[in-house]
Amino acid sequence: MLLSGQVDTSRQINPIPFSHAPCSVLDNRPCTPSYCGVFNNGLCIPEIEYPYGQDLRLTIQSAPPQQDAARYRKPDHDLNTISDLFAALRSCWSPPSADTAREGMQMSVRFSFKRSGEMIAAPRVTFVTSGVSADTRATYLKAINASLDACLPLKLTDGLGGALAGRPIAIRYVDNRALGKSSQQQ
């Protein structure tokens, strides 16, 4: 029984995400890294980098830098991680031919997978470089759909398939090839 003015501390909720206790550099126990210092008054909230949000985002370049070449190789096993999924999607990309392409073109699409590795529905366009003709848009959307169709269904492990099912995936395609045309011609 609580008397008036007393607080029940046995049922307090920890406001810190994932129960990481805030700490100081002067504590004699392991600490979660935080963005505050010894001169701050009050709680330190741990600084934890979360690599993925509720949706998965990926950028695919038509001409990837040499140091990223390994990230554009399709894994030789069933896809078990998000990195494997991203590598498989990158390896699928086949941009439009140079005579119909536009230098600097960007198009983003959004879609989801079923547990089996098939797409739930056709990709939905969410962004297109401004000032681009309808023909150029159609050319890139056709290339995106053809590239994805050639890769599907993806061979997902049961774990990754369950984790991905229905989760939105946003892919930004960037045509960074030097095509020898100015971006204003089309």
Protein backbone atom coordinates (compact mmCIF):
# COMPACT_ATOMS: atom_id res chain seq x y z
CA MET A 1 0.00 0.00 0.00
CA LEU A 2 1.35 3.41 -0.97
CA LEU A 3 0.97 6.45 1.23
CA SER A 4 0.12 9.74 -0.41
CA GLY A 5 3.14 11.33 -2.05
CA GLN A 6 4.99 8.01 -2.54
CA VAL A 7 5.86 6.72 -6.00
CA ASP A 8 5.68 3.03 -6.93
CA THR A 9 9.17 2.38 -8.33
CA SER A 10 8.65 -1.36 -8.79
CA ARG A 11 6.71 -0.88 -12.03
CA GLN A 12 8.61 1.91 -13.79
CA ILE A 13 9.02 1.64 -17.54
CA ASN A 14 12.49 2.10 -19.00
CA PRO A 15 12.15 4.95 -21.57
CA ILE A 16 15.47 4.08 -23.22
CA PRO A 17 15.14 1.97 -26.42
CA PHE A 18 15.98 -1.72 -26.04
CA SER A 19 16.67 -1.19 -22.32
CA HIS A 20 20.15 0.22 -22.87
CA ALA A 21 20.89 2.03 -19.65
CA PRO A 22 22.39 5.48 -20.00
CA CYS A 23 25.83 5.79 -18.52
CA SER A 24 28.71 8.16 -18.02
CA VAL A 25 32.36 7.92 -18.99
CA LEU A 26 33.03 7.83 -15.22
CA ASP A 27 30.96 4.66 -14.66
CA ASN A 28 32.88 1.51 -13.86
CA ARG A 29 30.66 -0.70 -16.06
CA PRO A 30 30.37 -1.22 -19.82
CA CYS A 31 28.49 1.60 -21.54
CA THR A 32 26.48 1.99 -24.68
CA PRO A 33 28.03 4.81 -26.78
CA SER A 34 26.17 8.08 -26.34
CA TYR A 35 26.22 11.59 -27.75
CA CYS A 36 26.55 13.43 -24.47
CA GLY A 37 29.56 14.13 -22.31
CA VAL A 38 30.63 14.57 -18.70
CA PHE A 39 29.40 18.17 -18.62
CA ASN A 40 25.79 17.33 -19.53
CA ASN A 41 23.16 17.43 -16.82
CA GLY A 42 20.53 14.72 -16.88
CA LEU A 43 20.25 11.51 -18.81
CA CYS A 44 22.43 10.46 -21.71
CA ILE A 45 20.47 8.76 -24.47
CA PRO A 46 22.56 6.06 -26.15
CA GLU A 47 23.49 6.75 -29.76
CA ILE A 48 22.75 3.56 -31.65
CA GLU A 49 22.93 3.44 -35.43
CA TYR A 50 20.04 1.52 -36.92
CA PRO A 51 21.01 0.54 -40.47
CA TYR A 52 17.53 -0.25 -41.79
CA GLY A 53 14.20 1.43 -41.25
CA GLN A 54 10.72 0.07 -41.76
CA ASP A 55 11.26 0.05 -45.50
CA LEU A 56 14.37 -1.04 -47.32
CA ARG A 57 16.16 1.48 -49.54
CA LEU A 58 18.72 0.77 -52.19
CA THR A 59 20.52 2.80 -54.87
CA ILE A 60 21.64 1.04 -58.03
CA GLN A 61 24.05 2.77 -60.40
CA SER A 62 24.38 1.85 -64.06
CA ALA A 63 28.17 2.26 -63.87
CA PRO A 64 29.17 1.44 -60.29
CA PRO A 65 32.54 2.59 -58.96
CA GLN A 66 35.32 0.00 -59.16
CA GLN A 67 35.51 -0.35 -55.37
CA ASP A 68 31.80 -1.38 -55.31
CA ALA A 69 32.13 -4.14 -57.93
CA ALA A 70 31.72 -6.91 -55.33
CA ARG A 71 28.40 -5.41 -54.20
CA TYR A 72 27.06 -5.84 -57.77
CA ARG A 73 27.80 -9.60 -57.98
CA LYS A 74 24.91 -12.00 -57.53
CA PRO A 75 25.45 -14.36 -54.58
CA ASP A 76 25.96 -18.01 -55.52
CA HIS A 77 23.70 -19.23 -52.70
CA ASP A 78 20.14 -18.73 -51.48
CA LEU A 79 19.65 -15.18 -50.26
CA ASN A 80 19.92 -15.15 -46.49
CA THR A 81 20.64 -11.51 -45.59
CA ILE A 82 19.55 -8.07 -46.71
CA SER A 83 23.05 -7.57 -48.15
CA ASP A 84 22.53 -10.71 -50.28
CA LEU A 85 19.16 -9.35 -51.44
CA PHE A 86 20.68 -5.99 -52.37
CA ALA A 87 23.55 -7.66 -54.26
CA ALA A 88 21.06 -9.79 -56.21
CA LEU A 89 18.93 -6.76 -57.11
CA ARG A 90 22.01 -4.78 -58.16
CA SER A 91 23.25 -7.63 -60.36
CA CYS A 92 19.90 -7.76 -62.16
CA TRP A 93 20.02 -4.17 -63.43
CA SER A 94 20.39 -3.82 -67.16
CA PRO A 95 20.04 -0.14 -68.18
CA PRO A 96 18.56 0.98 -71.50
CA SER A 97 20.88 1.06 -74.49
CA ALA A 98 23.01 4.18 -74.87
CA ASP A 99 21.04 5.46 -77.88
CA THR A 100 17.77 5.63 -75.87
CA ALA A 101 19.29 6.46 -72.46
CA ARG A 102 19.64 9.86 -70.80
CA GLU A 103 22.77 10.79 -68.89
CA GLY A 104 22.01 11.55 -65.24
CA MET A 105 18.54 10.00 -65.37
CA GLN A 106 17.13 8.86 -62.02
CA MET A 107 14.01 6.83 -61.39
CA SER A 108 12.81 5.35 -58.11
CA VAL A 109 10.35 2.50 -57.75
CA ARG A 110 8.71 0.82 -54.78
CA PHE A 111 7.41 -2.74 -54.47
CA SER A 112 7.22 -5.72 -52.12
CA PHE A 113 8.05 -9.39 -52.24
CA LYS A 114 6.06 -12.42 -51.22
CA ARG A 115 7.62 -14.99 -48.92
CA SER A 116 8.34 -17.10 -52.03
CA GLY A 117 10.57 -14.41 -53.62
CA GLU A 118 7.99 -13.24 -56.17
CA MET A 119 6.83 -9.63 -56.42
CA ILE A 120 3.40 -8.85 -54.99
CA ALA A 121 2.61 -6.34 -57.76
CA ALA A 122 4.37 -4.36 -60.48
CA PRO A 123 6.81 -1.70 -59.21
CA ARG A 124 5.25 1.70 -58.60
CA VAL A 125 7.20 4.76 -59.75
CA THR A 126 7.83 7.20 -56.89
CA PHE A 127 10.35 9.59 -58.47
CA VAL A 128 11.58 10.60 -61.93
CA THR A 129 14.16 13.22 -62.86
CA SER A 130 12.30 16.43 -63.68
CA GLY A 131 12.08 17.65 -67.26
CA VAL A 132 12.29 14.18 -68.79
CA SER A 133 10.09 13.27 -71.75
CA ALA A 134 7.36 10.64 -71.40
CA ASP A 135 9.24 8.42 -73.87
CA THR A 136 12.39 8.45 -71.72
CA ARG A 137 10.32 7.66 -68.62
CA ALA A 138 8.68 4.75 -70.41
CA THR A 139 12.07 3.49 -71.64
CA TYR A 140 13.51 3.40 -68.12
CA LEU A 141 10.40 1.87 -66.56
CA LYS A 142 10.46 -0.84 -69.22
CA ALA A 143 14.16 -1.53 -68.45
CA ILE A 144 13.45 -1.69 -64.70
CA ASN A 145 10.53 -4.10 -65.16
CA ALA A 146 12.49 -6.29 -67.58
CA SER A 147 15.50 -6.42 -65.23
CA LEU A 148 13.40 -7.39 -62.23
CA ASP A 149 11.36 -9.95 -64.21
CA ALA A 150 14.58 -11.62 -65.40
CA CYS A 151 15.71 -12.09 -61.77
CA LEU A 152 12.48 -13.31 -60.25
CA PRO A 153 11.59 -15.29 -58.32
CA LEU A 154 14.49 -14.70 -55.97
CA LYS A 155 15.69 -17.73 -54.01
CA LEU A 156 15.16 -16.58 -50.44
CA THR A 157 15.81 -18.62 -47.33
CA ASP A 158 12.78 -19.19 -45.11
CA GLY A 159 14.07 -16.68 -42.58
CA LEU A 160 14.67 -13.86 -45.06
CA GLY A 161 11.46 -14.66 -46.94
CA GLY A 162 9.46 -14.32 -43.75
CA ALA A 163 11.20 -11.09 -42.79
CA LEU A 164 10.75 -9.51 -46.25
CA ALA A 165 7.20 -10.59 -47.00
CA GLY A 166 5.13 -7.46 -47.60
CA ARG A 167 7.85 -5.03 -46.50
CA PRO A 168 8.25 -2.15 -48.99
CA ILE A 169 11.51 -1.96 -50.93
CA ALA A 170 12.46 1.34 -52.56
CA ILE A 171 15.09 1.25 -55.29
CA ARG A 172 16.61 4.37 -56.84
CA TYR A 173 18.15 3.68 -60.25
CA VAL A 174 20.82 6.19 -61.29
CA ASP A 175 22.13 6.22 -64.87
CA ASN A 176 25.58 7.64 -64.22
CA ARG A 177 27.12 6.40 -67.48
CA ALA A 178 28.98 8.92 -69.65
CA LEU A 179 26.81 8.72 -72.74
CA GLY A 180 28.32 11.58 -74.68
CA LYS A 181 24.97 13.41 -74.84
CA SER A 182 24.06 16.45 -72.84
CA SER A 183 21.29 15.90 -70.35
CA GLN A 184 19.24 18.61 -72.05
CA GLN A 185 18.90 16.83 -75.40
CA GLN A 186 16.05 14.52 -74.37
